[in-house]
Amino acid sequence: MDKVDRVEFKDEILKLVRESGRCNKRDVSSLFSQDAKGEYFEDIFKELVDSNLINVTSRTKDSTRIEITYQGKELLDLGGFTKQYELEVEKIKEGIQKKREDNKLQELQKENLQLINRLNKQKLKTHWIPIIISLFGLVIALASYFKPSKEISKPIDNSRFNNIEMKMEQLENGLKKDLDSIQNELYEAQMLIDSHES
């Protein structure tokens, strides 16, 4: 008898005892005597008694009175041994699935670590390139700074600056004249307004 058959058989016995109320063990065992399960009845009955799911209330010479306990009723209400077995199987399946996922995660982490190591090795090989380019540029800049220029500097042409200065002075003088004439006109206008008001 495999485990599934055992849990189903336990549930059958518990259900039969619960439905019968107080019943006789001999009557219950006789229901299974014709069945292939009959040879396992004594072992399973003992397991149920030891688990405190069935109580033996009185023993006589000819019969043993049995009844289901509160724990037995509660177990049946929760789905019995079959439901417990299904939950155990489900937990095992979840555990296997979790283990597979953990293995995949570990593989991904190993692959990630390998890629990081490869990247770090590549950085070690290539990190000198920008430094060399920077130093080369610095050397060229220093050389050009300290190296005298080959071009002869041209003399500064002061005549252009003189022309610009002269034009600016003319413009300034013209603006002063315009400002004076505007102030005179404003003064005359103010005088007219004052005389008109009085």
Protein backbone atom coordinates (compact mmCIF):
# COMPACT_ATOMS: atom_id res chain seq x y z
CA MET A 1 0.00 0.00 0.00
CA ASP A 2 1.55 3.30 -1.05
CA LYS A 3 1.35 6.56 0.86
CA VAL A 4 -1.64 7.90 -1.11
CA ASP A 5 -3.64 4.74 -0.41
CA ARG A 6 -2.71 4.92 3.30
CA VAL A 7 -3.89 8.53 3.71
CA GLU A 8 -7.12 7.80 1.83
CA PHE A 9 -7.70 4.72 3.98
CA LYS A 10 -7.14 6.73 7.19
CA ASP A 11 -9.69 9.29 5.98
CA GLU A 12 -12.20 6.54 5.19
CA ILE A 13 -11.89 5.07 8.68
CA LEU A 14 -12.20 8.50 10.34
CA LYS A 15 -15.26 9.38 8.25
CA LEU A 16 -16.89 6.05 9.01
CA VAL A 17 -16.31 6.43 12.76
CA ARG A 18 -17.56 10.04 12.71
CA GLU A 19 -20.74 9.12 10.81
CA SER A 20 -21.43 6.14 13.08
CA GLY A 21 -20.90 8.06 16.30
CA ARG A 22 -19.87 5.38 18.79
CA CYS A 23 -19.28 2.18 16.95
CA ASN A 24 -17.67 -1.15 17.29
CA LYS A 25 -14.16 -1.73 15.95
CA ARG A 26 -15.14 -5.19 14.69
CA ASP A 27 -17.97 -3.69 12.60
CA VAL A 28 -15.63 -1.13 11.07
CA SER A 29 -12.94 -3.70 10.31
CA SER A 30 -15.50 -6.06 8.78
CA LEU A 31 -16.35 -3.34 6.19
CA PHE A 32 -12.78 -3.57 4.92
CA SER A 33 -12.22 -7.31 5.40
CA GLN A 34 -13.32 -8.14 1.87
CA ASP A 35 -11.17 -5.33 0.49
CA ALA A 36 -7.40 -5.49 -0.12
CA LYS A 37 -7.11 -2.75 2.52
CA GLY A 38 -8.30 -5.16 5.22
CA GLU A 39 -4.84 -6.50 5.97
CA TYR A 40 -3.64 -2.97 6.78
CA PHE A 41 -6.59 -2.08 9.00
CA GLU A 42 -4.95 -3.02 12.33
CA ASP A 43 -1.79 -0.99 11.63
CA ILE A 44 -3.69 2.06 10.50
CA PHE A 45 -6.20 1.78 13.36
CA LYS A 46 -3.29 1.70 15.82
CA GLU A 47 -1.78 4.83 14.16
CA LEU A 48 -5.12 6.65 14.53
CA VAL A 49 -5.40 5.71 18.20
CA ASP A 50 -1.76 6.66 18.88
CA SER A 51 -2.34 10.02 17.12
CA ASN A 52 -5.32 10.64 19.44
CA LEU A 53 -7.74 10.86 16.51
CA ILE A 54 -9.82 7.90 17.68
CA ASN A 55 -10.62 6.99 21.29
CA VAL A 56 -11.14 3.47 22.49
CA THR A 57 -13.92 3.94 25.04
CA SER A 58 -14.49 0.42 26.28
CA ARG A 59 -13.07 -2.95 25.60
CA THR A 60 -14.96 -6.09 26.13
CA LYS A 61 -14.12 -9.64 25.33
CA ASP A 62 -15.97 -9.56 22.02
CA SER A 63 -15.74 -5.93 20.90
CA THR A 64 -14.03 -2.63 21.30
CA ARG A 65 -16.11 0.56 21.28
CA ILE A 66 -14.53 3.47 19.41
CA GLU A 67 -15.38 7.11 18.81
CA ILE A 68 -13.73 9.99 16.96
CA THR A 69 -11.99 12.66 19.04
CA TYR A 70 -12.20 16.42 18.67
CA GLN A 71 -8.83 16.42 16.88
CA GLY A 72 -10.10 13.76 14.48
CA LYS A 73 -13.21 15.82 13.66
CA GLU A 74 -11.11 18.93 13.22
CA LEU A 75 -8.72 17.07 10.91
CA LEU A 76 -11.62 15.86 8.76
CA ASP A 77 -13.08 19.38 8.64
CA LEU A 78 -9.73 20.62 7.32
CA GLY A 79 -9.75 18.00 4.54
CA GLY A 80 -8.31 15.02 6.36
CA PHE A 81 -5.05 13.23 5.75
CA THR A 82 -5.56 13.54 2.00
CA LYS A 83 -5.53 17.34 2.18
CA GLN A 84 -2.47 17.28 4.44
CA TYR A 85 -0.70 14.99 2.01
CA GLU A 86 -1.61 17.25 -0.92
CA LEU A 87 -0.27 20.25 1.01
CA GLU A 88 2.96 18.38 1.77
CA VAL A 89 3.33 17.44 -1.90
CA GLU A 90 2.66 21.06 -2.86
CA LYS A 91 5.30 22.26 -0.38
CA ILE A 92 7.78 19.79 -1.81
CA LYS A 93 6.99 20.98 -5.34
CA GLU A 94 7.37 24.60 -4.23
CA GLY A 95 10.66 23.69 -2.56
CA ILE A 96 11.91 22.06 -5.75
CA GLN A 97 10.77 25.07 -7.79
CA LYS A 98 12.47 27.44 -5.33
CA LYS A 99 15.64 25.36 -5.48
CA ARG A 100 15.58 25.53 -9.29
CA GLU A 101 15.06 29.29 -9.15
CA ASP A 102 17.88 29.60 -6.62
CA ASN A 103 20.14 27.54 -8.90
CA LYS A 104 19.25 29.78 -11.86
CA LEU A 105 19.92 32.84 -9.72
CA GLN A 106 23.28 31.45 -8.66
CA GLU A 107 24.15 30.72 -12.29
CA LEU A 108 23.18 34.27 -13.25
CA GLN A 109 25.24 35.65 -10.37
CA LYS A 110 28.25 33.57 -11.47
CA GLU A 111 27.81 34.78 -15.06
CA ASN A 112 27.48 38.36 -13.81
CA LEU A 113 30.64 37.97 -11.73
CA GLN A 114 32.50 36.60 -14.76
CA LEU A 115 31.34 39.54 -16.88
CA ILE A 116 32.38 42.02 -14.16
CA ASN A 117 35.79 40.35 -13.96
CA ARG A 118 36.20 40.55 -17.74
CA LEU A 119 35.16 44.20 -17.67
CA ASN A 120 37.64 44.96 -14.89
CA LYS A 121 40.43 43.22 -16.79
CA GLN A 122 39.54 45.24 -19.90
CA LYS A 123 39.58 48.43 -17.84
CA LEU A 124 43.00 47.53 -16.48
CA LYS A 125 44.27 47.08 -20.04
CA THR A 126 42.75 50.27 -21.42
CA HIS A 127 42.86 52.75 -18.53
CA TRP A 128 46.37 53.83 -19.55
CA ILE A 129 45.19 55.08 -22.96
CA PRO A 130 43.40 58.25 -21.73
CA ILE A 131 46.30 58.98 -19.36
CA ILE A 132 48.84 58.70 -22.20
CA ILE A 133 46.71 60.92 -24.47
CA SER A 134 46.36 63.51 -21.68
CA LEU A 135 50.11 63.53 -21.01
CA PHE A 136 50.84 63.83 -24.73
CA GLY A 137 48.48 66.80 -24.97
CA LEU A 138 50.09 68.40 -21.91
CA VAL A 139 53.57 68.03 -23.43
CA ILE A 140 52.43 69.64 -26.68
CA ALA A 141 50.79 72.51 -24.77
CA LEU A 142 53.91 73.14 -22.69
CA ALA A 143 56.15 72.97 -25.75
CA SER A 144 54.04 75.48 -27.64
CA TYR A 145 53.94 77.80 -24.62
CA PHE A 146 57.69 77.92 -24.11
CA LYS A 147 58.72 77.74 -27.77
CA PRO A 148 59.31 81.23 -29.25
CA SER A 149 57.02 82.24 -32.05
CA LYS A 150 58.54 82.34 -35.54
CA GLU A 151 56.27 85.13 -36.72
CA ILE A 152 57.59 88.67 -36.50
CA SER A 153 55.19 90.83 -34.61
CA LYS A 154 53.75 93.66 -36.67
CA PRO A 155 54.02 97.24 -35.42
CA ILE A 156 50.81 98.54 -33.96
CA ASP A 157 49.03 100.90 -36.33
CA ASN A 158 48.22 103.94 -34.14
CA SER A 159 46.63 105.92 -36.95
CA ARG A 160 43.52 103.77 -36.87
CA PHE A 161 43.17 104.27 -33.13
CA ASN A 162 43.67 108.02 -33.57
CA ASN A 163 40.93 108.16 -36.22
CA ILE A 164 38.56 106.25 -33.96
CA GLU A 165 39.33 108.55 -31.01
CA MET A 166 38.73 111.64 -33.16
CA LYS A 167 35.39 110.34 -34.39
CA MET A 168 34.34 109.53 -30.82
CA GLU A 169 35.21 113.06 -29.70
CA GLN A 170 33.21 114.53 -32.59
CA LEU A 171 30.29 112.33 -31.69
CA GLU A 172 30.55 113.34 -28.04
CA ASN A 173 30.65 117.03 -28.92
CA GLY A 174 27.65 116.62 -31.20
CA LEU A 175 25.70 114.87 -28.45
CA LYS A 176 26.57 117.62 -25.94
CA LYS A 177 25.27 120.26 -28.32
CA ASP A 178 22.07 118.33 -28.91
CA LEU A 179 21.63 117.86 -25.15
CA ASP A 180 22.12 121.58 -24.51
CA SER A 181 19.60 122.54 -27.19
CA ILE A 182 17.04 120.04 -25.78
CA GLN A 183 17.54 121.43 -22.27
CA ASN A 184 17.03 125.00 -23.59
CA GLU A 185 13.83 123.94 -25.36
CA LEU A 186 12.60 122.25 -22.19
CA TYR A 187 13.40 125.34 -20.15
CA GLU A 188 11.52 127.56 -22.63
CA ALA A 189 8.57 125.16 -22.60
CA GLN A 190 8.49 125.21 -18.82
CA MET A 191 8.54 129.00 -18.83
CA LEU A 192 5.63 129.07 -21.25
CA ILE A 193 3.67 126.65 -19.09
CA ASP A 194 4.36 128.69 -15.94
CA SER A 195 3.35 131.95 -17.63
CA HIS A 196 0.24 130.38 -19.05
CA GLU A 197 -0.86 129.03 -15.66
CA SER A 198 -0.44 132.38 -13.88
